[in-house]
Amino acid sequence: MIRLALTVGEPAGIGPDICLDLVRAAPEPQIELVLIGDRHLLAERAAALGHALRLVPFEPGEPAAPPTPGTAPVLHVDLPRRPPPGKPDPANALALLEGLDHAVRGCLEGRFDAMVTAPLDKGVINDAGIPFSGHTEYLAARCGTAQVVMLLVADRLRVALATTHLPLREVADALTVDGIAGTLRILDHDLRQRFGLPRPRIAVCGLNPHAGERGHLGREEIDVIAPAIAVARAAGLDVTGPLPADTLLTPARLAPFDAVLAMYHDQGLPVLKYAGFGRAVNVTLGLPIIRTSVDHGTAYDLAGTGRADAGSLRAAVALAVEMARAGR
């Protein structure tokens, strides 16, 4: 049996909708999905969507059990205010982070094999006066991990990021030899351990157009990226680059590689999301636990309408299961 913690995300968004869709769809008998969120809000949303679903308290002391059709276990986290669809409330910020903490502790203590997260709204949490740059950074802090890597997966296309949620003007200054070399080590390690790839082949994007044109369009490739690649190669990693991103991120050039390291968020992810939006998965590498997530946001305009697509969440659950089994 595989037991997954499924955090329902921003309660005013589509997170509750897609989580409810998933648990009522009767996953395979070897997977138990535990919802983490406000049981009352989930019951209200299920009724509004016309789902006949029985929500029962999660018993952490019980062993994982095959799912019962029409029933979903819930680890209840009380919301100070239960918002209507599309109307987020910063008063709920601490409760949303509490839900993540339950999932992290459960994974670290062995009650869950992995955690899967529905989308949060970073702005809502920051509006409550709580600094929050995203799931990735928050989970790293909660696990006491110095460096983590964001990886997006769509079928065989895997794109990791050297920097994550930064303003574009700060990206170049954030790139360091040690940082990129560390990212490559984590990427290589987890592709071996979590994805079962015996010798991952990794391509590295340059930062500047045409990978800097030998320094005429910027020196980051010469001064930072190439030295980091040299460090990784000296450690035995199969790494190629820096390569111009505009030509690397094409099917023919990607074919020989198992993963790509992009320098910043909007360098690699638009290509991946174009290729696989709605079935892509966000994975946090470098943690002592397994965490996957959806490739989209809260979609307030679709919340409570019954039109939200659970495809990415379904893919995130499937990948979490695959990674948990690979690690056993």
Protein backbone atom coordinates (compact mmCIF):
# COMPACT_ATOMS: atom_id res chain seq x y z
CA MET A 1 0.00 0.00 0.00
CA ILE A 2 1.03 3.57 -0.75
CA ARG A 3 -0.49 6.32 1.41
CA LEU A 4 -0.36 9.87 0.06
CA ALA A 5 -1.09 13.15 1.82
CA LEU A 6 -3.09 15.39 -0.50
CA THR A 7 -3.21 19.04 0.65
CA VAL A 8 -6.24 20.78 -0.85
CA GLY A 9 -4.55 24.17 -1.33
CA GLU A 10 -6.27 27.57 -1.44
CA PRO A 11 -9.87 26.87 -0.31
CA ALA A 12 -11.35 29.56 -2.58
CA GLY A 13 -9.66 28.08 -5.64
CA ILE A 14 -10.03 24.86 -7.59
CA GLY A 15 -7.89 22.82 -5.18
CA PRO A 16 -10.88 21.40 -3.26
CA ASP A 17 -12.69 20.65 -6.54
CA ILE A 18 -9.90 18.67 -8.16
CA CYS A 19 -9.04 16.85 -4.92
CA LEU A 20 -12.66 15.77 -4.53
CA ASP A 21 -12.75 14.68 -8.18
CA LEU A 22 -9.69 12.55 -7.61
CA VAL A 23 -10.78 10.76 -4.44
CA ARG A 24 -14.25 9.94 -5.78
CA ALA A 25 -12.75 8.45 -8.95
CA ALA A 26 -11.67 5.32 -7.04
CA PRO A 27 -7.88 5.14 -7.44
CA GLU A 28 -6.18 1.79 -7.73
CA PRO A 29 -6.62 -0.45 -4.66
CA GLN A 30 -2.98 -0.09 -3.58
CA ILE A 31 -3.23 3.71 -3.10
CA GLU A 32 -4.81 5.51 -0.14
CA LEU A 33 -5.35 9.25 -0.59
CA VAL A 34 -5.74 11.33 2.57
CA LEU A 35 -7.13 14.83 2.10
CA ILE A 36 -5.65 17.54 4.35
CA GLY A 37 -7.95 20.52 4.71
CA ASP A 38 -11.16 21.79 6.31
CA ARG A 39 -13.66 18.92 6.32
CA HIS A 40 -16.64 21.30 6.43
CA LEU A 41 -15.49 23.30 3.41
CA LEU A 42 -14.84 20.07 1.50
CA ALA A 43 -18.34 18.83 2.36
CA GLU A 44 -19.86 22.13 1.19
CA ARG A 45 -17.92 22.05 -2.08
CA ALA A 46 -18.79 18.39 -2.67
CA ALA A 47 -22.48 19.18 -2.22
CA ALA A 48 -22.26 22.19 -4.53
CA LEU A 49 -20.62 20.06 -7.21
CA GLY A 50 -23.15 17.25 -6.79
CA HIS A 51 -20.62 14.71 -5.50
CA ALA A 52 -22.01 11.97 -3.27
CA LEU A 53 -18.92 11.56 -1.11
CA ARG A 54 -18.59 10.56 2.53
CA LEU A 55 -15.76 12.36 4.33
CA VAL A 56 -14.43 10.48 7.35
CA PRO A 57 -11.77 11.46 9.92
CA PHE A 58 -8.29 10.23 9.14
CA GLU A 59 -6.90 7.91 11.81
CA PRO A 60 -3.10 8.35 11.76
CA GLY A 61 -2.48 5.29 13.91
CA GLU A 62 -4.17 2.95 11.47
CA PRO A 63 -2.21 1.22 8.69
CA ALA A 64 -2.85 2.27 5.09
CA ALA A 65 -5.97 0.61 3.73
CA PRO A 66 -7.50 0.19 0.26
CA PRO A 67 -9.89 3.03 -0.61
CA THR A 68 -13.60 2.54 -0.08
CA PRO A 69 -15.68 3.79 -3.04
CA GLY A 70 -17.55 6.97 -2.16
CA THR A 71 -15.48 7.57 1.00
CA ALA A 72 -12.48 9.80 1.59
CA PRO A 73 -10.38 10.16 4.78
CA VAL A 74 -9.72 13.76 5.82
CA LEU A 75 -7.10 15.14 8.19
CA HIS A 76 -9.10 18.16 9.34
CA VAL A 77 -7.49 21.62 9.52
CA ASP A 78 -9.98 24.22 10.71
CA LEU A 79 -10.28 27.39 8.63
CA PRO A 80 -11.06 30.59 10.58
CA ARG A 81 -13.31 31.58 7.65
CA ARG A 82 -14.71 29.29 4.98
CA PRO A 83 -14.56 31.41 1.81
CA PRO A 84 -16.94 31.12 -1.12
CA PRO A 85 -15.41 30.02 -4.43
CA GLY A 86 -13.30 32.75 -5.98
CA LYS A 87 -13.03 34.89 -2.84
CA PRO A 88 -9.76 34.14 -1.01
CA ASP A 89 -9.33 35.38 2.54
CA PRO A 90 -5.90 36.13 4.09
CA ALA A 91 -7.36 35.18 7.48
CA ASN A 92 -6.87 31.55 6.43
CA ALA A 93 -3.13 31.86 5.74
CA LEU A 94 -1.90 30.19 8.93
CA ALA A 95 -4.34 27.31 8.50
CA LEU A 96 -3.07 26.69 4.97
CA LEU A 97 0.52 26.49 6.22
CA GLU A 98 -0.62 24.24 9.07
CA GLY A 99 -1.96 21.82 6.47
CA LEU A 100 1.44 21.73 4.78
CA ASP A 101 3.09 21.14 8.16
CA HIS A 102 0.83 18.13 8.82
CA ALA A 103 1.82 16.64 5.46
CA VAL A 104 5.55 17.25 6.01
CA ARG A 105 5.54 15.77 9.52
CA GLY A 106 3.54 12.78 8.33
CA CYS A 107 6.08 12.10 5.58
CA LEU A 108 9.09 12.58 7.85
CA GLU A 109 7.59 10.28 10.49
CA GLY A 110 6.57 7.60 8.01
CA ARG A 111 2.78 7.98 8.15
CA PHE A 112 2.72 9.08 4.50
CA ASP A 113 4.85 7.79 1.65
CA ALA A 114 4.67 11.12 -0.20
CA MET A 115 2.79 14.41 -0.30
CA VAL A 116 0.92 15.95 -3.23
CA THR A 117 -0.10 19.60 -3.13
CA ALA A 118 -2.96 21.42 -4.79
CA PRO A 119 -2.23 25.09 -5.65
CA LEU A 120 -1.87 27.90 -3.14
CA ASP A 121 -1.99 31.64 -3.80
CA LYS A 122 1.32 33.15 -2.64
CA GLY A 123 -0.21 36.63 -2.66
CA VAL A 124 -2.94 35.69 -0.18
CA ILE A 125 -0.40 34.38 2.32
CA ASN A 126 1.82 37.43 1.89
CA ASP A 127 -1.23 39.67 2.32
CA ALA A 128 -1.59 38.13 5.79
CA GLY A 129 1.87 39.44 6.67
CA ILE A 130 3.59 36.04 6.30
CA PRO A 131 6.60 35.98 3.94
CA PHE A 132 5.96 33.12 1.50
CA SER A 133 7.63 32.66 -1.88
CA GLY A 134 6.14 29.27 -2.66
CA HIS A 135 5.74 25.62 -1.70
CA THR A 136 9.30 24.78 -2.76
CA GLU A 137 11.05 27.21 -0.45
CA TYR A 138 8.62 26.61 2.43
CA LEU A 139 9.07 22.84 2.34
CA ALA A 140 12.86 23.22 2.21
CA ALA A 141 12.74 25.29 5.40
CA ARG A 142 10.41 22.84 7.14
CA CYS A 143 12.66 19.91 6.23
CA GLY A 144 15.85 21.77 7.19
CA THR A 145 17.21 21.36 3.66
CA ALA A 146 19.80 23.91 2.53
CA GLN A 147 19.17 23.55 -1.21
CA VAL A 148 16.28 22.13 -3.19
CA VAL A 149 15.52 22.01 -6.89
CA MET A 150 12.25 22.64 -8.71
CA LEU A 151 11.66 20.11 -11.48
CA LEU A 152 8.74 20.11 -13.91
CA VAL A 153 7.89 16.84 -15.64
CA ALA A 154 5.67 16.27 -18.69
CA ASP A 155 6.01 12.73 -19.99
CA ARG A 156 9.73 12.37 -20.86
CA LEU A 157 10.41 16.11 -20.78
CA ARG A 158 12.02 17.14 -17.48
CA VAL A 159 13.04 20.74 -16.83
CA ALA A 160 14.80 21.79 -13.62
CA LEU A 161 15.47 25.37 -12.54
CA ALA A 162 18.69 26.95 -11.29
CA THR A 163 16.63 29.82 -9.78
CA THR A 164 12.92 29.76 -8.95
CA HIS A 165 10.67 32.65 -7.93
CA LEU A 166 12.88 35.69 -8.50
CA PRO A 167 12.32 38.95 -10.36
CA LEU A 168 14.09 38.70 -13.70
CA ARG A 169 16.49 41.56 -12.88
CA GLU A 170 17.84 39.52 -9.92
CA VAL A 171 18.50 36.26 -11.78
CA ALA A 172 22.03 36.91 -13.04
CA ASP A 173 23.27 37.95 -9.59
CA ALA A 174 21.70 34.84 -8.03
CA LEU A 175 23.65 32.45 -10.26
CA THR A 176 26.84 31.10 -8.66
CA VAL A 177 29.26 28.31 -9.47
CA ASP A 178 28.49 26.52 -6.20
CA GLY A 179 24.75 27.00 -6.59
CA ILE A 180 24.58 25.58 -10.11
CA ALA A 181 26.98 22.74 -9.28
CA GLY A 182 24.84 21.90 -6.24
CA THR A 183 21.69 21.95 -8.33
CA LEU A 184 23.27 19.55 -10.82
CA ARG A 185 24.30 17.18 -8.00
CA ILE A 186 20.76 17.14 -6.58
CA LEU A 187 19.22 16.68 -10.03
CA ASP A 188 21.57 13.81 -10.87
CA HIS A 189 21.04 12.12 -7.48
CA ASP A 190 17.25 12.27 -7.53
CA LEU A 191 16.98 11.22 -11.17
CA ARG A 192 18.89 8.10 -10.11
CA GLN A 193 17.12 7.47 -6.80
CA ARG A 194 13.58 8.69 -7.50
CA PHE A 195 13.27 8.08 -11.25
CA GLY A 196 15.41 4.97 -11.66
CA LEU A 197 17.79 6.45 -14.26
CA PRO A 198 21.21 4.77 -13.84
CA ARG A 199 23.24 7.57 -15.51
CA PRO A 200 21.18 10.70 -16.18
CA ARG A 201 22.16 12.85 -19.15
CA ILE A 202 21.66 16.52 -18.30
CA ALA A 203 21.73 19.50 -20.68
CA VAL A 204 22.36 22.99 -19.26
CA CYS A 205 20.96 26.18 -20.78
CA GLY A 206 22.96 29.36 -21.04
CA LEU A 207 21.53 32.50 -19.47
CA ASN A 208 22.00 34.95 -22.33
CA PRO A 209 20.85 34.84 -25.97
CA HIS A 210 22.99 32.41 -27.98
CA ALA A 211 24.61 31.33 -24.69
CA GLY A 212 26.43 34.65 -24.53
CA GLU A 213 28.11 34.60 -27.98
CA ARG A 214 31.56 33.90 -26.44
CA GLY A 215 31.12 36.79 -24.01
CA HIS A 216 29.80 39.40 -26.42
CA LEU A 217 26.24 39.08 -25.02
CA GLY A 218 27.17 38.52 -21.38
CA ARG A 219 29.83 36.66 -19.42
CA GLU A 220 27.68 34.48 -17.14
CA GLU A 221 28.28 31.45 -19.35
CA ILE A 222 32.06 31.91 -19.17
CA ASP A 223 32.41 33.03 -15.56
CA VAL A 224 29.69 31.00 -13.80
CA ILE A 225 27.83 28.35 -15.81
CA ALA A 226 30.76 26.65 -17.59
CA PRO A 227 32.85 26.42 -14.38
CA ALA A 228 29.86 24.87 -12.56
CA ILE A 229 29.52 22.31 -15.35
CA ALA A 230 33.24 21.54 -15.03
CA VAL A 231 32.77 20.88 -11.30
CA ALA A 232 29.86 18.54 -12.04
CA ARG A 233 31.80 16.66 -14.71
CA ALA A 234 34.76 16.26 -12.36
CA ALA A 235 32.35 14.57 -9.93
CA GLY A 236 31.36 12.08 -12.65
CA LEU A 237 28.08 13.63 -13.82
CA ASP A 238 27.05 13.46 -17.48
CA VAL A 239 26.44 17.16 -18.13
CA THR A 240 26.48 19.11 -21.42
CA GLY A 241 26.46 22.89 -21.90
CA PRO A 242 25.99 25.75 -21.62
CA LEU A 243 23.76 25.58 -24.70
CA PRO A 244 21.54 28.26 -26.27
CA ALA A 245 18.09 27.77 -24.77
CA ASP A 246 16.16 28.69 -27.91
CA THR A 247 17.59 25.74 -29.87
CA LEU A 248 18.12 23.33 -26.97
CA LEU A 249 14.43 23.36 -26.07
CA THR A 250 13.36 21.73 -29.34
CA PRO A 251 12.45 18.05 -29.78
CA ALA A 252 15.45 17.03 -31.88
CA ARG A 253 18.02 18.65 -29.57
CA LEU A 254 16.30 17.34 -26.42
CA ALA A 255 16.17 13.73 -27.61
CA PRO A 256 19.56 12.61 -26.20
CA PHE A 257 18.94 14.08 -22.74
CA ASP A 258 17.02 12.93 -19.66
CA ALA A 259 16.66 16.44 -18.19
CA VAL A 260 17.39 20.10 -18.84
CA LEU A 261 18.60 22.67 -16.33
CA ALA A 262 17.20 26.10 -17.17
CA MET A 263 18.60 29.21 -15.53
CA TYR A 264 15.30 30.84 -14.59
CA HIS A 265 11.59 30.18 -14.30
CA ASP A 266 10.35 31.57 -17.60
CA GLN A 267 13.24 30.22 -19.64
CA GLY A 268 12.29 26.56 -19.42
CA LEU A 269 8.75 26.34 -18.12
CA PRO A 270 6.85 27.96 -21.02
CA VAL A 271 8.20 25.26 -23.33
CA LEU A 272 7.32 22.48 -20.90
CA LYS A 273 3.84 23.82 -20.24
CA TYR A 274 3.18 24.27 -23.94
CA ALA A 275 4.16 20.64 -24.46
CA GLY A 276 2.23 19.21 -21.53
CA PHE A 277 -0.04 21.70 -19.75
CA GLY A 278 -2.74 19.91 -17.82
CA ARG A 279 -0.67 16.78 -17.37
CA ALA A 280 2.65 18.26 -16.20
CA VAL A 281 3.88 17.76 -12.63
CA ASN A 282 5.95 19.96 -10.31
CA VAL A 283 8.46 17.96 -8.23
CA THR A 284 10.66 19.24 -5.41
CA LEU A 285 14.04 17.50 -5.51
CA GLY A 286 16.59 17.44 -2.69
CA LEU A 287 14.08 16.93 0.13
CA PRO A 288 14.18 13.91 2.45
CA ILE A 289 10.55 13.36 1.42
CA ILE A 290 8.69 13.05 -1.88
CA ARG A 291 6.60 16.03 -2.95
CA THR A 292 4.77 16.53 -6.22
CA SER A 293 2.26 19.17 -7.28
CA VAL A 294 0.15 20.47 -10.13
CA ASP A 295 1.45 22.67 -12.95
CA HIS A 296 -1.24 25.37 -12.58
CA GLY A 297 -2.61 27.94 -10.18
CA THR A 298 -5.77 28.44 -8.18
CA ALA A 299 -8.03 29.32 -11.16
CA TYR A 300 -10.53 31.26 -9.04
CA ASP A 301 -12.83 31.73 -12.03
CA LEU A 302 -13.35 27.95 -12.27
CA ALA A 303 -13.73 27.23 -8.55
CA GLY A 304 -17.04 25.65 -7.69
CA THR A 305 -18.20 25.50 -11.33
CA GLY A 306 -17.51 21.83 -12.00
CA ARG A 307 -15.33 22.79 -15.00
CA ALA A 308 -11.90 22.41 -13.34
CA ASP A 309 -9.69 19.74 -14.91
CA ALA A 310 -8.01 17.36 -12.45
CA GLY A 311 -5.58 16.02 -15.07
CA SER A 312 -2.43 17.59 -13.63
CA LEU A 313 -3.32 16.50 -10.09
CA ARG A 314 -3.95 12.98 -11.36
CA ALA A 315 -0.52 13.01 -12.99
CA ALA A 316 1.05 14.37 -9.78
CA VAL A 317 -0.45 11.51 -7.78
CA ALA A 318 0.70 8.93 -10.33
CA LEU A 319 4.26 10.30 -10.29
CA ALA A 320 4.35 10.43 -6.48
CA VAL A 321 3.32 6.77 -6.38
CA GLU A 322 5.96 5.88 -8.98
CA MET A 323 8.66 7.72 -7.02
CA ALA A 324 7.59 6.13 -3.71
CA ARG A 325 7.77 2.67 -5.22
CA ALA A 326 11.15 3.39 -6.84
CA GLY A 327 12.53 4.42 -3.46
CA ARG A 328 11.50 1.24 -1.68
